[in-house]
N, C-alpha and C. Protein backbone atom coordinates (compact mmCIF):
# COMPACT_ATOMS: atom_id res chain seq x y z
N MET A 1 -26.22 -152.97 3.05
CA MET A 1 -27.20 -151.68 3.40
C MET A 1 -28.03 -151.19 2.09
N LYS A 2 -29.58 -151.20 2.23
CA LYS A 2 -30.10 -150.26 0.78
C LYS A 2 -29.82 -148.19 0.91
N ARG A 3 -29.54 -148.28 -0.15
CA ARG A 3 -29.07 -146.79 -0.62
C ARG A 3 -29.97 -146.41 -1.47
N ARG A 4 -30.69 -145.28 -0.33
CA ARG A 4 -31.80 -144.64 -1.63
C ARG A 4 -31.40 -142.93 -1.77
N VAL A 5 -32.05 -142.90 -2.75
CA VAL A 5 -31.89 -141.09 -3.03
C VAL A 5 -33.99 -140.93 -2.88
N ILE A 6 -33.80 -140.08 -2.48
CA ILE A 6 -35.05 -139.66 -1.21
C ILE A 6 -35.49 -138.23 -1.58
N ASP A 7 -36.73 -138.31 -1.63
CA ASP A 7 -36.96 -136.26 -2.12
C ASP A 7 -38.64 -136.39 -1.50
N ILE A 8 -39.17 -135.11 -1.52
CA ILE A 8 -40.36 -134.96 -1.48
C ILE A 8 -40.68 -134.05 -1.70
N GLU A 9 -42.53 -133.56 -1.76
CA GLU A 9 -42.88 -132.45 -2.36
C GLU A 9 -43.61 -132.37 -1.44
N ALA A 10 -43.73 -130.75 -0.84
CA ALA A 10 -44.83 -130.70 -0.15
C ALA A 10 -45.71 -129.52 -0.19
N ASP A 11 -46.37 -128.92 0.52
CA ASP A 11 -47.31 -127.63 0.20
C ASP A 11 -46.84 -126.19 0.68
N SER A 12 -45.67 -126.89 1.74
CA SER A 12 -45.15 -125.25 1.54
C SER A 12 -43.64 -125.56 2.33
N LEU A 13 -42.71 -124.91 3.26
CA LEU A 13 -41.80 -124.83 4.15
C LEU A 13 -41.98 -125.40 5.13
N ILE A 14 -43.43 -124.76 5.71
CA ILE A 14 -43.67 -125.87 7.28
C ILE A 14 -44.99 -126.60 6.83
N PRO A 15 -44.46 -127.82 6.43
CA PRO A 15 -45.71 -128.73 5.35
C PRO A 15 -46.76 -129.31 6.44
N THR A 16 -47.99 -129.41 6.00
CA THR A 16 -49.03 -129.46 6.44
C THR A 16 -49.68 -131.16 5.40
N LEU A 17 -48.93 -130.75 4.18
CA LEU A 17 -49.02 -131.86 3.53
C LEU A 17 -47.70 -132.44 2.60
N ILE A 18 -47.82 -133.53 2.52
CA ILE A 18 -46.83 -134.04 1.69
C ILE A 18 -47.33 -134.34 0.29
N ASP A 19 -47.38 -133.43 -0.89
CA ASP A 19 -48.18 -134.06 -2.20
C ASP A 19 -46.98 -135.48 -3.24
N VAL A 20 -46.10 -135.72 -3.08
CA VAL A 20 -45.27 -136.73 -3.88
C VAL A 20 -44.17 -137.09 -3.41
N LEU A 21 -43.60 -137.99 -2.75
CA LEU A 21 -42.73 -138.95 -2.61
C LEU A 21 -42.06 -139.89 -3.18
N VAL A 22 -40.96 -139.77 -3.94
CA VAL A 22 -39.64 -140.42 -4.23
C VAL A 22 -38.80 -141.09 -4.06
N TRP A 23 -38.51 -142.19 -3.91
CA TRP A 23 -37.04 -142.54 -3.84
C TRP A 23 -36.74 -143.52 -4.83
N TYR A 24 -35.14 -143.89 -5.18
CA TYR A 24 -34.42 -144.66 -6.22
C TYR A 24 -33.68 -145.56 -5.66
N ASP A 25 -33.81 -146.72 -5.65
CA ASP A 25 -32.54 -147.22 -5.22
C ASP A 25 -31.43 -147.48 -6.05
N ILE A 26 -30.41 -146.78 -5.47
CA ILE A 26 -28.96 -146.99 -6.35
C ILE A 26 -28.42 -148.24 -6.75
N ASP A 27 -29.08 -149.79 -5.92
CA ASP A 27 -27.84 -150.61 -6.16
C ASP A 27 -29.37 -151.42 -7.09
N THR A 28 -30.61 -151.79 -6.95
CA THR A 28 -31.21 -152.11 -7.96
C THR A 28 -31.79 -151.23 -9.16
N GLY A 29 -32.05 -149.50 -8.88
CA GLY A 29 -32.55 -149.39 -10.11
C GLY A 29 -34.25 -148.95 -9.67
N GLU A 30 -34.59 -149.84 -8.65
CA GLU A 30 -36.00 -149.28 -8.21
C GLU A 30 -36.72 -148.30 -7.72
N GLU A 31 -37.59 -147.69 -8.34
CA GLU A 31 -37.95 -146.39 -8.50
C GLU A 31 -39.76 -146.62 -7.84
N TYR A 32 -40.10 -145.52 -6.92
CA TYR A 32 -41.03 -145.56 -5.80
C TYR A 32 -41.30 -144.40 -5.84
N VAL A 33 -42.44 -144.21 -7.01
CA VAL A 33 -43.77 -142.57 -6.37
C VAL A 33 -44.65 -142.58 -5.59
N TRP A 34 -45.22 -142.15 -4.53
CA TRP A 34 -46.20 -141.72 -3.66
C TRP A 34 -46.89 -140.87 -4.13
N ARG A 35 -48.05 -140.18 -4.76
CA ARG A 35 -48.86 -139.24 -4.65
C ARG A 35 -50.12 -139.00 -3.59
N TYR A 36 -50.06 -138.05 -3.18
CA TYR A 36 -51.54 -137.95 -2.64
C TYR A 36 -52.77 -138.27 -2.71
N ASP A 37 -52.91 -137.66 -4.34
CA ASP A 37 -54.21 -137.91 -4.85
C ASP A 37 -54.75 -139.66 -5.11
N GLU A 38 -53.83 -140.81 -4.43
CA GLU A 38 -53.44 -141.70 -4.71
C GLU A 38 -54.15 -142.12 -4.17
N ASN A 39 -54.83 -142.06 -2.49
CA ASN A 39 -55.39 -142.27 -1.56
C ASN A 39 -54.77 -143.86 -1.03
N ARG A 40 -53.39 -144.09 -1.14
CA ARG A 40 -52.82 -144.90 -0.52
C ARG A 40 -51.73 -144.90 0.99
N SER A 41 -51.43 -145.54 1.83
CA SER A 41 -51.28 -145.25 2.77
C SER A 41 -49.16 -144.96 2.30
N LEU A 42 -48.08 -144.27 3.13
CA LEU A 42 -47.34 -144.01 2.77
C LEU A 42 -46.38 -144.69 3.83
N GLU A 43 -45.86 -146.16 3.16
CA GLU A 43 -45.14 -146.81 4.09
C GLU A 43 -43.86 -146.32 3.75
N LEU A 44 -42.45 -146.53 4.46
CA LEU A 44 -41.18 -146.15 4.57
C LEU A 44 -40.41 -147.45 5.34
N GLU A 45 -39.75 -147.92 4.24
CA GLU A 45 -39.03 -149.13 5.53
C GLU A 45 -37.74 -148.43 5.59
N THR A 46 -37.58 -148.38 6.70
CA THR A 46 -36.03 -146.85 7.40
C THR A 46 -35.14 -148.42 8.13
N GLU A 47 -35.29 -149.75 8.36
CA GLU A 47 -33.78 -150.41 9.34
C GLU A 47 -33.33 -151.17 7.90
N GLY A 48 -32.31 -150.60 8.07
CA GLY A 48 -31.03 -151.06 7.21
C GLY A 48 -31.25 -150.14 6.08
N VAL A 49 -31.60 -148.57 6.15
CA VAL A 49 -32.02 -148.35 4.67
C VAL A 49 -30.39 -146.73 5.03
N LEU A 50 -29.45 -146.85 4.11
CA LEU A 50 -29.24 -145.80 4.01
C LEU A 50 -29.55 -144.22 3.29
N PHE A 51 -30.39 -143.56 3.90
CA PHE A 51 -31.15 -142.42 3.00
C PHE A 51 -30.28 -141.11 2.19
N ILE A 52 -30.67 -141.30 1.43
CA ILE A 52 -29.45 -139.96 1.02
C ILE A 52 -30.22 -138.88 0.04
N GLY A 53 -30.25 -137.82 -0.33
CA GLY A 53 -30.62 -136.57 -0.53
C GLY A 53 -30.27 -135.25 0.18
N HIS A 54 -31.16 -134.26 -0.63
CA HIS A 54 -30.73 -132.49 -0.63
C HIS A 54 -32.00 -131.49 0.60
N ASN A 55 -30.96 -131.34 1.40
CA ASN A 55 -31.75 -131.24 3.02
C ASN A 55 -32.60 -132.52 3.32
N ILE A 56 -32.60 -133.45 3.50
CA ILE A 56 -33.31 -134.17 3.78
C ILE A 56 -33.64 -134.30 5.10
N ILE A 57 -32.22 -133.66 5.88
CA ILE A 57 -32.43 -134.03 7.50
C ILE A 57 -33.29 -132.89 7.80
N ASP A 58 -33.20 -131.16 7.30
CA ASP A 58 -33.96 -130.27 8.04
C ASP A 58 -34.81 -130.18 7.93
N PHE A 59 -35.64 -130.59 6.11
CA PHE A 59 -36.64 -130.57 5.67
C PHE A 59 -37.64 -132.13 5.82
N ASP A 60 -37.18 -132.88 4.89
CA ASP A 60 -38.10 -133.87 4.49
C ASP A 60 -38.06 -134.86 5.41
N VAL A 61 -37.27 -135.61 6.29
CA VAL A 61 -37.23 -136.42 7.36
C VAL A 61 -38.20 -135.80 8.51
N PRO A 62 -37.68 -134.31 8.78
CA PRO A 62 -38.95 -134.38 9.40
C PRO A 62 -40.41 -133.92 9.40
N ALA A 63 -40.87 -134.06 8.32
CA ALA A 63 -41.70 -133.27 7.47
C ALA A 63 -42.28 -135.18 7.31
N ILE A 64 -41.54 -135.52 6.98
CA ILE A 64 -42.18 -137.19 6.85
C ILE A 64 -42.60 -137.77 8.41
N ASN A 65 -41.73 -137.62 9.77
CA ASN A 65 -42.31 -138.03 10.76
C ASN A 65 -43.27 -136.94 11.50
N GLN A 66 -43.46 -135.48 10.66
CA GLN A 66 -44.31 -135.12 11.86
C GLN A 66 -45.92 -135.32 10.53
N LEU A 67 -45.64 -135.88 9.36
CA LEU A 67 -47.14 -135.77 8.96
C LEU A 67 -47.67 -137.41 9.14
């Protein structure tokens, strides 16, 4: 199972825009940064991935799913 630390920055506590999404793979050291202004789609691999982060259950994951 892959283990990734994930964090987002959004425009508010009730987000309408994700400005930045960053993840770090604990096992490989790979980093990924997605920025809204780079005009590319956001694709997250979720199968077989354990996401780790602060407040991801109450904020990050719902915001990603909503937007």
